[in-house]
């Protein structure tokens, strides 16, 4: 059933002309944007724009009434949610590979790409993947239209907490920048992966609970 759901969503992306046009536009835009703005923007732009494609599927599910229809099928909520997270993971990997290819082209054309750039790229993909994972239960609970508002509020809260933590560091005579710089890139990536795994697990089980309790 998981394979059938994944095939359904990929076929929507493949057969819908607007998705195909958007994908072509995204690829061209990211390449041009990366060369004009710089390598630092490559990962963020790729992850934001490429990950927006599978989330259009949520709007399609709502428009077609699939969420009401699936209740009549032998599909467990866990399988339905797992497929959305799998789709999110697939496009995250596509964003990473595509960004690395852009880095390779940049390197060929004389723009130096360091190991630090690659670590930064991986980190940005991990962060965006986690943000989109948080979207999934919010979309099921509210709607594809209202979920961005909720995620915006969440981002504001995270920024507020970040500023608060920075001030606490300063209050106790600690320099947060020096502390972060003392941590190696590989440790930052590993730490980010562990945080992302935690976020995904919480979002996954939250989405299942929302679907089970929601009356469509």
N, C-alpha and C. Protein backbone atom coordinates (compact mmCIF):
# COMPACT_ATOMS: atom_id res chain seq x y z
N UNK A 1 0.82 -1.21 0.00
CA UNK A 1 0.00 0.00 0.00
C UNK A 1 0.86 1.27 0.00
N UNK A 2 2.00 1.21 0.73
CA UNK A 2 2.92 2.34 0.76
C UNK A 2 3.43 2.66 -0.64
N UNK A 3 3.77 1.61 -1.39
CA UNK A 3 4.27 1.78 -2.75
C UNK A 3 3.20 2.39 -3.65
N UNK A 4 1.95 1.98 -3.47
CA UNK A 4 0.84 2.50 -4.28
C UNK A 4 0.61 3.98 -4.00
N UNK A 5 0.68 4.37 -2.72
CA UNK A 5 0.49 5.78 -2.36
C UNK A 5 1.62 6.64 -2.93
N UNK A 6 2.83 6.13 -2.83
CA UNK A 6 3.98 6.86 -3.36
C UNK A 6 3.87 7.00 -4.87
N UNK A 7 3.44 5.94 -5.53
CA UNK A 7 3.27 5.97 -6.99
C UNK A 7 2.19 6.98 -7.37
N UNK A 8 1.11 7.05 -6.57
CA UNK A 8 0.03 8.00 -6.82
C UNK A 8 0.55 9.44 -6.81
N UNK A 9 1.30 9.77 -5.79
CA UNK A 9 1.80 11.14 -5.67
C UNK A 9 2.83 11.48 -6.74
N UNK A 10 3.72 10.53 -7.04
CA UNK A 10 4.73 10.77 -8.07
C UNK A 10 4.08 10.90 -9.45
N UNK A 11 3.01 10.15 -9.68
CA UNK A 11 2.28 10.26 -10.96
C UNK A 11 1.61 11.62 -11.10
N UNK A 12 1.11 12.15 -9.97
CA UNK A 12 0.51 13.49 -10.00
C UNK A 12 1.56 14.52 -10.41
N UNK A 13 2.74 14.40 -9.81
CA UNK A 13 3.84 15.31 -10.15
C UNK A 13 4.27 15.15 -11.60
N UNK A 14 4.31 13.89 -12.05
CA UNK A 14 4.78 13.58 -13.40
C UNK A 14 3.79 14.00 -14.47
N UNK A 15 2.49 13.78 -14.23
CA UNK A 15 1.48 13.97 -15.28
C UNK A 15 0.86 15.37 -15.30
N UNK A 16 0.94 16.08 -14.18
CA UNK A 16 0.34 17.41 -14.14
C UNK A 16 1.29 18.43 -14.77
N UNK A 17 0.81 19.11 -15.78
CA UNK A 17 1.67 20.03 -16.54
C UNK A 17 2.22 21.15 -15.67
N UNK A 18 1.42 21.63 -14.71
CA UNK A 18 1.89 22.72 -13.86
C UNK A 18 3.08 22.28 -13.01
N UNK A 19 3.06 21.03 -12.56
CA UNK A 19 4.18 20.51 -11.78
C UNK A 19 5.43 20.40 -12.64
N UNK A 20 5.25 19.92 -13.88
CA UNK A 20 6.39 19.78 -14.79
C UNK A 20 7.01 21.14 -15.11
N UNK A 21 6.14 22.11 -15.38
CA UNK A 21 6.63 23.47 -15.67
C UNK A 21 7.34 24.06 -14.45
N UNK A 22 6.75 23.84 -13.27
CA UNK A 22 7.36 24.36 -12.04
C UNK A 22 8.72 23.73 -11.80
N UNK A 23 8.83 22.43 -12.08
CA UNK A 23 10.10 21.72 -11.86
C UNK A 23 11.19 22.27 -12.78
N UNK A 24 10.85 22.50 -14.05
CA UNK A 24 11.80 23.07 -15.00
C UNK A 24 12.22 24.47 -14.56
N UNK A 25 11.22 25.27 -14.16
CA UNK A 25 11.50 26.63 -13.70
C UNK A 25 12.41 26.61 -12.48
N UNK A 26 12.11 25.70 -11.53
CA UNK A 26 12.89 25.60 -10.30
C UNK A 26 14.35 25.27 -10.61
N UNK A 27 14.57 24.30 -11.50
CA UNK A 27 15.93 23.88 -11.84
C UNK A 27 16.72 25.05 -12.45
N UNK A 28 16.10 25.73 -13.42
CA UNK A 28 16.77 26.86 -14.09
C UNK A 28 17.01 27.99 -13.09
N UNK A 29 15.99 28.28 -12.27
CA UNK A 29 16.08 29.39 -11.32
C UNK A 29 17.18 29.15 -10.30
N UNK A 30 17.25 27.94 -9.77
CA UNK A 30 18.26 27.63 -8.75
C UNK A 30 19.67 27.78 -9.32
N UNK A 31 19.87 27.29 -10.55
CA UNK A 31 21.19 27.39 -11.19
C UNK A 31 21.60 28.84 -11.37
N UNK A 32 20.69 29.65 -11.94
CA UNK A 32 20.97 31.07 -12.18
C UNK A 32 21.17 31.79 -10.84
N UNK A 33 20.27 31.52 -9.90
CA UNK A 33 20.32 32.17 -8.58
C UNK A 33 21.64 31.87 -7.88
N UNK A 34 22.09 30.63 -7.97
CA UNK A 34 23.32 30.22 -7.30
C UNK A 34 24.53 30.94 -7.86
N UNK A 35 24.56 31.13 -9.17
CA UNK A 35 25.71 31.79 -9.80
C UNK A 35 25.69 33.30 -9.55
N UNK A 36 24.47 33.88 -9.46
CA UNK A 36 24.37 35.33 -9.26
C UNK A 36 24.58 35.70 -7.79
N UNK A 37 23.84 35.03 -6.90
CA UNK A 37 23.88 35.36 -5.47
C UNK A 37 25.12 34.77 -4.81
N UNK A 38 25.45 33.52 -5.16
CA UNK A 38 26.61 32.88 -4.55
C UNK A 38 26.31 31.49 -4.03
N UNK A 39 27.37 30.75 -3.78
CA UNK A 39 27.23 29.35 -3.37
C UNK A 39 26.51 29.18 -2.04
N UNK A 40 26.58 30.22 -1.18
CA UNK A 40 25.96 30.12 0.14
C UNK A 40 24.45 29.93 0.05
N UNK A 41 23.84 30.42 -1.02
CA UNK A 41 22.39 30.36 -1.15
C UNK A 41 21.91 29.09 -1.84
N UNK A 42 22.83 28.31 -2.37
CA UNK A 42 22.44 27.14 -3.18
C UNK A 42 21.59 26.14 -2.42
N UNK A 43 22.07 25.71 -1.27
CA UNK A 43 21.38 24.67 -0.52
C UNK A 43 20.01 25.10 -0.04
N UNK A 44 19.93 26.33 0.50
CA UNK A 44 18.65 26.83 1.01
C UNK A 44 17.64 26.96 -0.12
N UNK A 45 18.07 27.57 -1.23
CA UNK A 45 17.16 27.76 -2.34
C UNK A 45 16.69 26.42 -2.91
N UNK A 46 17.61 25.46 -3.07
CA UNK A 46 17.25 24.16 -3.62
C UNK A 46 16.27 23.43 -2.72
N UNK A 47 16.53 23.44 -1.43
CA UNK A 47 15.65 22.71 -0.51
C UNK A 47 14.28 23.36 -0.40
N UNK A 48 14.24 24.69 -0.36
CA UNK A 48 12.95 25.39 -0.27
C UNK A 48 12.10 25.12 -1.50
N UNK A 49 12.69 25.28 -2.68
CA UNK A 49 11.91 25.19 -3.91
C UNK A 49 11.59 23.76 -4.30
N UNK A 50 12.54 22.84 -4.14
CA UNK A 50 12.27 21.45 -4.50
C UNK A 50 11.31 20.79 -3.52
N UNK A 51 11.43 21.10 -2.24
CA UNK A 51 10.53 20.51 -1.24
C UNK A 51 9.12 21.06 -1.33
N UNK A 52 8.96 22.20 -2.00
CA UNK A 52 7.62 22.75 -2.15
C UNK A 52 6.76 21.90 -3.09
N UNK A 53 7.41 21.10 -3.93
CA UNK A 53 6.66 20.26 -4.88
C UNK A 53 5.85 19.19 -4.18
N UNK A 54 6.45 18.34 -3.32
CA UNK A 54 5.62 17.32 -2.66
C UNK A 54 4.55 17.91 -1.75
N UNK A 55 4.77 19.13 -1.25
CA UNK A 55 3.75 19.72 -0.39
C UNK A 55 2.58 20.27 -1.18
N UNK A 56 2.76 20.41 -2.49
CA UNK A 56 1.62 20.72 -3.34
C UNK A 56 0.67 19.54 -3.40
N UNK A 57 1.20 18.34 -3.12
CA UNK A 57 0.37 17.12 -3.12
C UNK A 57 -0.68 17.19 -2.02
N UNK A 58 -0.35 17.80 -0.90
CA UNK A 58 -1.32 17.94 0.19
C UNK A 58 -2.52 18.75 -0.28
N UNK A 59 -2.25 19.82 -1.02
CA UNK A 59 -3.34 20.63 -1.56
C UNK A 59 -4.15 19.83 -2.57
N UNK A 60 -3.46 19.00 -3.35
CA UNK A 60 -4.14 18.16 -4.33
C UNK A 60 -5.02 17.13 -3.63
N UNK A 61 -4.52 16.55 -2.53
CA UNK A 61 -5.31 15.58 -1.76
C UNK A 61 -6.57 16.23 -1.20
N UNK A 62 -6.41 17.47 -0.74
CA UNK A 62 -7.57 18.18 -0.19
C UNK A 62 -8.56 18.53 -1.29
N UNK A 63 -8.04 19.00 -2.43
CA UNK A 63 -8.93 19.39 -3.53
C UNK A 63 -9.71 18.21 -4.09
N UNK A 64 -9.03 17.06 -4.20
CA UNK A 64 -9.67 15.87 -4.78
C UNK A 64 -10.53 15.10 -3.78
N UNK A 65 -10.44 15.48 -2.50
CA UNK A 65 -11.21 14.78 -1.48
C UNK A 65 -10.61 13.44 -1.08
N UNK A 66 -9.31 13.27 -1.34
CA UNK A 66 -8.68 11.98 -1.05
C UNK A 66 -8.71 11.64 0.44
N UNK A 67 -8.55 12.67 1.30
CA UNK A 67 -8.52 12.41 2.73
C UNK A 67 -9.85 11.88 3.24
N UNK A 68 -10.95 12.23 2.57
CA UNK A 68 -12.24 11.65 2.91
C UNK A 68 -12.37 10.25 2.33
N UNK A 69 -11.83 10.09 1.13
CA UNK A 69 -11.95 8.82 0.41
C UNK A 69 -11.11 7.71 1.05
N UNK A 70 -9.93 8.08 1.59
CA UNK A 70 -9.03 7.06 2.12
C UNK A 70 -9.63 6.32 3.31
N UNK A 71 -10.59 6.95 3.99
CA UNK A 71 -11.23 6.32 5.14
C UNK A 71 -12.01 5.07 4.74
N UNK A 72 -12.39 5.02 3.46
CA UNK A 72 -13.14 3.85 2.98
C UNK A 72 -12.22 2.74 2.48
N UNK A 73 -10.92 3.01 2.46
CA UNK A 73 -9.94 2.04 1.96
C UNK A 73 -9.20 1.38 3.13
N UNK A 74 -8.65 0.21 2.90
CA UNK A 74 -7.88 -0.47 3.97
C UNK A 74 -6.48 0.13 4.13
N UNK A 75 -6.45 1.45 4.40
CA UNK A 75 -5.18 2.15 4.56
C UNK A 75 -5.06 2.64 6.00
N UNK A 76 -4.02 2.21 6.66
CA UNK A 76 -3.79 2.69 8.02
C UNK A 76 -3.22 4.10 7.99
N UNK A 77 -3.55 4.86 9.02
CA UNK A 77 -3.04 6.23 9.10
C UNK A 77 -1.51 6.25 9.10
N UNK A 78 -0.91 5.25 9.74
CA UNK A 78 0.55 5.19 9.81
C UNK A 78 1.18 5.06 8.42
N UNK A 79 0.52 4.30 7.53
CA UNK A 79 1.03 4.11 6.17
C UNK A 79 0.89 5.40 5.38
N UNK A 80 -0.25 6.08 5.53
CA UNK A 80 -0.49 7.33 4.81
C UNK A 80 0.53 8.39 5.22
N UNK A 81 0.79 8.49 6.53
CA UNK A 81 1.75 9.47 7.04
C UNK A 81 3.16 9.09 6.63
N UNK A 82 3.47 7.81 6.71
CA UNK A 82 4.81 7.34 6.35
C UNK A 82 5.15 7.69 4.91
N UNK A 83 4.15 7.59 4.03
CA UNK A 83 4.38 7.90 2.62
C UNK A 83 4.72 9.37 2.42
N UNK A 84 4.06 10.26 3.17
CA UNK A 84 4.34 11.69 3.06
C UNK A 84 5.75 12.01 3.56
N UNK A 85 6.16 11.35 4.65
CA UNK A 85 7.51 11.56 5.17
C UNK A 85 8.55 10.99 4.20
N UNK A 86 8.21 9.88 3.57
CA UNK A 86 9.12 9.28 2.58
C UNK A 86 9.28 10.21 1.39
N UNK A 87 8.17 10.81 0.95
CA UNK A 87 8.21 11.76 -0.16
C UNK A 87 9.07 12.97 0.20
N UNK A 88 8.92 13.42 1.43
CA UNK A 88 9.72 14.53 1.94
C UNK A 88 11.21 14.17 1.91
N UNK A 89 11.53 12.94 2.33
CA UNK A 89 12.92 12.49 2.34
C UNK A 89 13.50 12.37 0.94
N UNK A 90 12.69 11.86 0.01
CA UNK A 90 13.15 11.70 -1.37
C UNK A 90 13.53 13.05 -1.98
N UNK A 91 12.66 14.05 -1.80
CA UNK A 91 12.94 15.36 -2.39
C UNK A 91 14.04 16.10 -1.64
N UNK A 92 14.24 15.77 -0.36
CA UNK A 92 15.38 16.33 0.37
C UNK A 92 16.69 15.81 -0.23
N UNK A 93 16.72 14.51 -0.54
CA UNK A 93 17.91 13.92 -1.16
C UNK A 93 18.13 14.49 -2.56
N UNK A 94 17.03 14.69 -3.29
CA UNK A 94 17.14 15.29 -4.63
C UNK A 94 17.74 16.69 -4.51
N UNK A 95 17.25 17.46 -3.51
CA UNK A 95 17.78 18.80 -3.28
C UNK A 95 19.26 18.78 -2.95
N UNK A 96 19.68 17.80 -2.14
CA UNK A 96 21.09 17.68 -1.77
C UNK A 96 21.95 17.33 -2.98
N UNK A 97 21.53 16.30 -3.73
CA UNK A 97 22.30 15.87 -4.91
C UNK A 97 22.37 16.98 -5.94
N UNK A 98 21.23 17.65 -6.16
CA UNK A 98 21.18 18.73 -7.14
C UNK A 98 22.11 19.87 -6.73
N UNK A 99 22.11 20.19 -5.44
CA UNK A 99 22.98 21.27 -4.94
C UNK A 99 24.45 20.91 -5.09
N UNK A 100 24.77 19.64 -4.82
CA UNK A 100 26.16 19.18 -4.97
C UNK A 100 26.60 19.26 -6.43
N UNK A 101 25.68 18.96 -7.34
CA UNK A 101 25.99 19.07 -8.78
C UNK A 101 26.27 20.53 -9.16
N UNK A 102 25.48 21.44 -8.58
CA UNK A 102 25.71 22.87 -8.84
C UNK A 102 27.08 23.28 -8.31
N UNK A 103 27.43 22.78 -7.12
CA UNK A 103 28.75 23.05 -6.56
C UNK A 103 29.85 22.54 -7.49
N UNK A 104 29.62 21.35 -8.05
CA UNK A 104 30.60 20.77 -8.97
C UNK A 104 30.79 21.65 -10.20
N UNK A 105 29.68 22.14 -10.76
CA UNK A 105 29.74 23.02 -11.93
C UNK A 105 30.45 24.32 -11.57
N UNK A 106 30.12 24.86 -10.38
CA UNK A 106 30.78 26.09 -9.92
C UNK A 106 32.29 25.89 -9.81
N UNK A 107 32.67 24.75 -9.28
CA UNK A 107 34.09 24.44 -9.11
C UNK A 107 34.79 24.36 -10.47
N UNK A 108 34.10 23.78 -11.45
CA UNK A 108 34.65 23.68 -12.81
C UNK A 108 34.86 25.07 -13.41
N UNK A 109 33.94 25.99 -13.08
CA UNK A 109 34.03 27.35 -13.63
C UNK A 109 34.86 28.29 -12.76
N UNK A 110 35.65 27.71 -11.84
CA UNK A 110 36.62 28.50 -11.10
C UNK A 110 36.20 29.01 -9.75
N UNK A 111 34.97 28.69 -9.31
CA UNK A 111 34.54 29.11 -7.97
C UNK A 111 34.95 28.03 -6.98
N UNK A 112 35.78 28.38 -6.01
CA UNK A 112 36.29 27.38 -5.06
C UNK A 112 35.20 26.91 -4.11
N UNK A 113 35.10 25.59 -3.96
CA UNK A 113 34.14 24.97 -3.05
C UNK A 113 34.93 24.20 -2.00
N UNK A 114 34.77 24.61 -0.74
CA UNK A 114 35.52 23.98 0.34
C UNK A 114 34.66 22.94 1.06
N UNK A 115 35.32 22.18 1.95
CA UNK A 115 34.60 21.19 2.76
C UNK A 115 33.59 21.89 3.66
N UNK A 116 33.93 23.10 4.09
CA UNK A 116 33.02 23.87 4.94
C UNK A 116 31.74 24.22 4.18
N UNK A 117 31.89 24.51 2.88
CA UNK A 117 30.71 24.79 2.04
C UNK A 117 29.80 23.57 1.95
N UNK A 118 30.39 22.40 1.80
CA UNK A 118 29.62 21.16 1.68
C UNK A 118 28.90 20.87 3.00
N UNK A 119 29.60 21.06 4.13
CA UNK A 119 28.97 20.86 5.43
C UNK A 119 27.80 21.83 5.62
N UNK A 120 28.01 23.08 5.20
CA UNK A 120 26.94 24.08 5.29
C UNK A 120 25.75 23.71 4.45
N UNK A 121 26.02 23.16 3.27
CA UNK A 121 24.96 22.70 2.38
C UNK A 121 24.15 21.59 3.02
N UNK A 122 24.84 20.59 3.56
CA UNK A 122 24.17 19.46 4.22
C UNK A 122 23.32 19.95 5.39
N UNK A 123 23.88 20.89 6.15
CA UNK A 123 23.17 21.44 7.31
C UNK A 123 21.90 22.16 6.89
N UNK A 124 21.96 22.93 5.82
CA UNK A 124 20.78 23.66 5.35
C UNK A 124 19.69 22.71 4.87
N UNK A 125 20.08 21.61 4.21
CA UNK A 125 19.11 20.62 3.76
C UNK A 125 18.44 19.94 4.97
N UNK A 126 19.24 19.62 5.98
CA UNK A 126 18.71 18.99 7.19
C UNK A 126 17.69 19.91 7.87
N UNK A 127 18.04 21.20 7.97
CA UNK A 127 17.15 22.17 8.63
C UNK A 127 15.84 22.30 7.86
N UNK A 128 15.92 22.44 6.54
CA UNK A 128 14.71 22.60 5.74
C UNK A 128 13.86 21.33 5.75
N UNK A 129 14.52 20.18 5.73
CA UNK A 129 13.80 18.91 5.81
C UNK A 129 13.01 18.83 7.11
N UNK A 130 13.64 19.25 8.20
CA UNK A 130 12.97 19.22 9.50
C UNK A 130 11.79 20.18 9.54
N UNK A 131 11.97 21.37 8.94
CA UNK A 131 10.89 22.35 8.90
C UNK A 131 9.69 21.80 8.13
N UNK A 132 9.95 21.14 7.01
CA UNK A 132 8.86 20.59 6.21
C UNK A 132 8.22 19.39 6.91
N UNK A 133 8.98 18.67 7.72
CA UNK A 133 8.42 17.56 8.50
C UNK A 133 7.43 18.07 9.52
N UNK A 134 7.73 19.24 10.10
CA UNK A 134 6.82 19.85 11.07
C UNK A 134 5.51 20.25 10.39
N UNK A 135 5.60 20.60 9.11
CA UNK A 135 4.43 20.98 8.34
C UNK A 135 3.37 19.87 8.29
N UNK A 136 3.80 18.62 8.18
CA UNK A 136 2.89 17.52 7.88
C UNK A 136 1.74 17.39 8.88
N UNK A 137 2.02 17.27 10.20
CA UNK A 137 0.89 17.19 11.13
C UNK A 137 0.05 18.47 11.17
N UNK A 138 0.71 19.64 10.93
CA UNK A 138 -0.03 20.90 10.92
C UNK A 138 -1.00 20.97 9.74
N UNK A 139 -0.56 20.44 8.60
CA UNK A 139 -1.43 20.40 7.41
C UNK A 139 -2.64 19.52 7.67
N UNK A 140 -2.43 18.36 8.28
CA UNK A 140 -3.55 17.46 8.57
C UNK A 140 -4.50 18.05 9.61
N UNK A 141 -3.96 18.77 10.57
CA UNK A 141 -4.79 19.33 11.63
C UNK A 141 -5.57 20.57 11.18
N UNK A 142 -4.90 21.43 10.41
CA UNK A 142 -5.54 22.68 10.00
C UNK A 142 -5.94 22.63 8.53
N UNK A 143 -4.98 22.80 7.64
CA UNK A 143 -5.19 22.72 6.19
C UNK A 143 -3.91 23.19 5.52
N UNK A 144 -3.73 22.87 4.23
CA UNK A 144 -2.52 23.36 3.53
C UNK A 144 -2.46 24.89 3.50
N UNK A 145 -3.63 25.55 3.61
CA UNK A 145 -3.66 27.01 3.57
C UNK A 145 -3.31 27.63 4.92
N UNK A 146 -3.73 26.99 6.02
CA UNK A 146 -3.52 27.56 7.35
C UNK A 146 -2.19 27.13 7.97
N UNK A 147 -1.65 25.99 7.52
CA UNK A 147 -0.41 25.46 8.11
C UNK A 147 0.76 26.45 8.03
N UNK A 148 0.95 27.19 6.91
CA UNK A 148 2.06 28.16 6.86
C UNK A 148 1.98 29.21 7.96
N UNK A 149 0.76 29.60 8.34
CA UNK A 149 0.60 30.58 9.42
C UNK A 149 1.12 30.01 10.73
N UNK A 150 0.79 28.74 10.98
CA UNK A 150 1.22 28.08 12.21
C UNK A 150 2.75 27.91 12.23
N UNK A 151 3.33 27.57 11.07
CA UNK A 151 4.78 27.39 11.02
C UNK A 151 5.49 28.74 11.18
N UNK A 152 4.86 29.81 10.68
CA UNK A 152 5.42 31.16 10.84
C UNK A 152 5.48 31.52 12.32
N UNK A 153 4.41 31.21 13.05
CA UNK A 153 4.38 31.46 14.49
C UNK A 153 5.47 30.65 15.19
N UNK A 154 5.64 29.40 14.74
CA UNK A 154 6.67 28.53 15.32
C UNK A 154 8.06 29.09 15.09
N UNK A 155 8.30 29.60 13.89
CA UNK A 155 9.62 30.19 13.55
C UNK A 155 9.88 31.41 14.44
N UNK A 156 8.86 32.23 14.65
CA UNK A 156 9.00 33.41 15.52
C UNK A 156 9.38 32.98 16.94
N UNK A 157 8.74 31.91 17.42
CA UNK A 157 9.04 31.40 18.76
C UNK A 157 10.49 30.90 18.84
N UNK A 158 10.92 30.18 17.78
CA UNK A 158 12.29 29.66 17.75
C UNK A 158 13.31 30.80 17.74
N UNK A 159 13.03 31.84 16.95
CA UNK A 159 13.92 33.00 16.89
C UNK A 159 13.99 33.68 18.27
N UNK A 160 12.84 33.82 18.90
CA UNK A 160 12.77 34.44 20.24
C UNK A 160 13.60 33.64 21.24
N UNK A 161 13.46 32.31 21.19
CA UNK A 161 14.23 31.45 22.11
C UNK A 161 15.72 31.54 21.82
N UNK A 162 16.07 31.64 20.51
CA UNK A 162 17.48 31.77 20.13
C UNK A 162 18.09 33.05 20.68
N UNK A 163 17.35 34.16 20.56
CA UNK A 163 17.82 35.44 21.08
C UNK A 163 17.95 35.38 22.60
N UNK A 164 16.96 34.72 23.23
CA UNK A 164 16.98 34.59 24.69
C UNK A 164 18.19 33.78 25.16
N UNK A 165 18.48 32.68 24.47
CA UNK A 165 19.63 31.85 24.82
C UNK A 165 20.93 32.62 24.64
N UNK A 166 21.02 33.39 23.54
CA UNK A 166 22.22 34.20 23.28
C UNK A 166 22.44 35.22 24.39
N UNK A 167 21.35 35.83 24.87
CA UNK A 167 21.46 36.82 25.94
C UNK A 167 21.86 36.16 27.26
N UNK A 168 21.36 34.95 27.49
CA UNK A 168 21.75 34.21 28.70
C UNK A 168 23.23 33.87 28.68
N UNK A 169 23.72 33.48 27.49
CA UNK A 169 25.15 33.20 27.33
C UNK A 169 25.96 34.46 27.68
N UNK A 170 25.50 35.60 27.15
CA UNK A 170 26.20 36.87 27.38
C UNK A 170 26.14 37.26 28.85
N UNK A 171 25.00 36.98 29.48
CA UNK A 171 24.81 37.33 30.88
C UNK A 171 25.80 36.59 31.78
N UNK A 172 26.09 35.35 31.41
CA UNK A 172 27.03 34.53 32.19
C UNK A 172 28.47 34.64 31.68
N UNK A 173 28.69 35.63 30.82
CA UNK A 173 30.05 35.88 30.35
C UNK A 173 30.56 34.89 29.33
N UNK A 174 29.64 34.22 28.63
CA UNK A 174 30.02 33.24 27.61
C UNK A 174 29.79 33.82 26.23
N UNK A 175 30.68 33.52 25.31
CA UNK A 175 30.56 33.98 23.93
C UNK A 175 30.03 32.84 23.08
N UNK A 176 28.77 32.94 22.67
CA UNK A 176 28.13 31.85 21.93
C UNK A 176 28.80 31.60 20.59
N UNK A 177 29.34 32.66 19.96
CA UNK A 177 30.00 32.50 18.66
C UNK A 177 31.27 31.68 18.81
N UNK A 178 32.05 31.98 19.85
CA UNK A 178 33.28 31.22 20.09
C UNK A 178 32.96 29.77 20.44
N UNK A 179 31.86 29.59 21.19
CA UNK A 179 31.46 28.23 21.57
C UNK A 179 31.09 27.42 20.35
N UNK A 180 30.34 28.03 19.43
CA UNK A 180 29.93 27.33 18.21
C UNK A 180 31.12 27.06 17.30
N UNK A 181 32.04 28.03 17.22
CA UNK A 181 33.21 27.88 16.35
C UNK A 181 34.14 26.77 16.84
N UNK A 182 34.10 26.50 18.14
CA UNK A 182 34.97 25.47 18.71
C UNK A 182 34.47 24.05 18.40
N UNK A 183 33.22 23.97 17.94
CA UNK A 183 32.64 22.66 17.61
C UNK A 183 32.95 22.35 16.15
N UNK A 184 33.44 21.17 15.87
CA UNK A 184 33.79 20.79 14.49
C UNK A 184 32.54 20.65 13.64
N UNK A 185 32.72 20.82 12.31
CA UNK A 185 31.59 20.74 11.39
C UNK A 185 30.90 19.38 11.45
N UNK A 186 31.68 18.31 11.56
CA UNK A 186 31.10 16.97 11.58
C UNK A 186 30.21 16.77 12.80
N UNK A 187 30.63 17.35 13.95
CA UNK A 187 29.82 17.25 15.17
C UNK A 187 28.52 18.04 15.02
N UNK A 188 28.61 19.18 14.34
CA UNK A 188 27.41 19.99 14.11
C UNK A 188 26.41 19.23 13.24
N UNK A 189 26.92 18.58 12.18
CA UNK A 189 26.06 17.81 11.28
C UNK A 189 25.42 16.63 12.02
N UNK A 190 26.24 15.91 12.79
CA UNK A 190 25.73 14.76 13.55
C UNK A 190 24.67 15.21 14.56
N UNK A 191 24.97 16.32 15.25
CA UNK A 191 24.00 16.86 16.21
C UNK A 191 22.71 17.27 15.52
N UNK A 192 22.84 17.88 14.34
CA UNK A 192 21.67 18.31 13.57
C UNK A 192 20.85 17.11 13.10
N UNK A 193 21.54 16.03 12.71
CA UNK A 193 20.85 14.81 12.30
C UNK A 193 20.04 14.21 13.46
N UNK A 194 20.62 14.23 14.65
CA UNK A 194 19.92 13.69 15.82
C UNK A 194 18.70 14.53 16.16
N UNK A 195 18.86 15.85 16.08
CA UNK A 195 17.72 16.75 16.32
C UNK A 195 16.65 16.54 15.27
N UNK A 196 17.09 16.42 14.00
CA UNK A 196 16.15 16.20 12.89
C UNK A 196 15.40 14.88 13.06
N UNK A 197 16.11 13.85 13.51
CA UNK A 197 15.47 12.55 13.75
C UNK A 197 14.40 12.67 14.83
N UNK A 198 14.71 13.40 15.89
CA UNK A 198 13.74 13.62 16.98
C UNK A 198 12.52 14.37 16.47
N UNK A 199 12.77 15.44 15.70
CA UNK A 199 11.66 16.23 15.13
C UNK A 199 10.78 15.37 14.24
N UNK A 200 11.42 14.54 13.39
CA UNK A 200 10.66 13.69 12.48
C UNK A 200 9.81 12.67 13.24
N UNK A 201 10.36 12.08 14.29
CA UNK A 201 9.61 11.10 15.07
C UNK A 201 8.41 11.74 15.76
N UNK A 202 8.63 12.92 16.35
CA UNK A 202 7.53 13.63 17.01
C UNK A 202 6.46 14.02 16.00
N UNK A 203 6.89 14.54 14.85
CA UNK A 203 5.95 14.95 13.79
C UNK A 203 5.20 13.76 13.22
N UNK A 204 5.91 12.65 13.05
CA UNK A 204 5.31 11.43 12.49
C UNK A 204 4.17 10.91 13.37
N UNK A 205 4.46 10.75 14.66
CA UNK A 205 3.43 10.23 15.56
C UNK A 205 2.32 11.26 15.81
N UNK A 206 2.67 12.54 15.75
CA UNK A 206 1.65 13.59 15.89
C UNK A 206 0.69 13.57 14.71
N UNK A 207 1.23 13.38 13.49
CA UNK A 207 0.40 13.33 12.29
C UNK A 207 -0.56 12.14 12.32
N UNK A 208 -0.05 11.00 12.78
CA UNK A 208 -0.91 9.81 12.90
C UNK A 208 -2.05 10.07 13.88
N UNK A 209 -1.72 10.66 15.02
CA UNK A 209 -2.74 10.95 16.03
C UNK A 209 -3.78 11.93 15.50
N UNK A 210 -3.33 12.96 14.77
CA UNK A 210 -4.25 13.94 14.19
C UNK A 210 -5.21 13.27 13.21
N UNK A 211 -4.67 12.42 12.33
CA UNK A 211 -5.51 11.74 11.35
C UNK A 211 -6.52 10.80 12.00
N UNK A 212 -6.11 10.11 13.04
CA UNK A 212 -7.01 9.18 13.72
C UNK A 212 -8.16 9.92 14.41
N UNK A 213 -7.87 11.11 14.92
CA UNK A 213 -8.87 11.84 15.68
C UNK A 213 -9.68 12.82 14.84
N UNK A 214 -9.23 13.04 13.60
CA UNK A 214 -9.91 14.05 12.77
C UNK A 214 -11.11 13.46 12.06
N UNK A 215 -12.20 14.20 12.10
CA UNK A 215 -13.42 13.78 11.42
C UNK A 215 -13.52 14.54 10.11
N UNK A 216 -13.28 13.82 9.00
CA UNK A 216 -13.32 14.46 7.69
C UNK A 216 -14.75 14.53 7.16
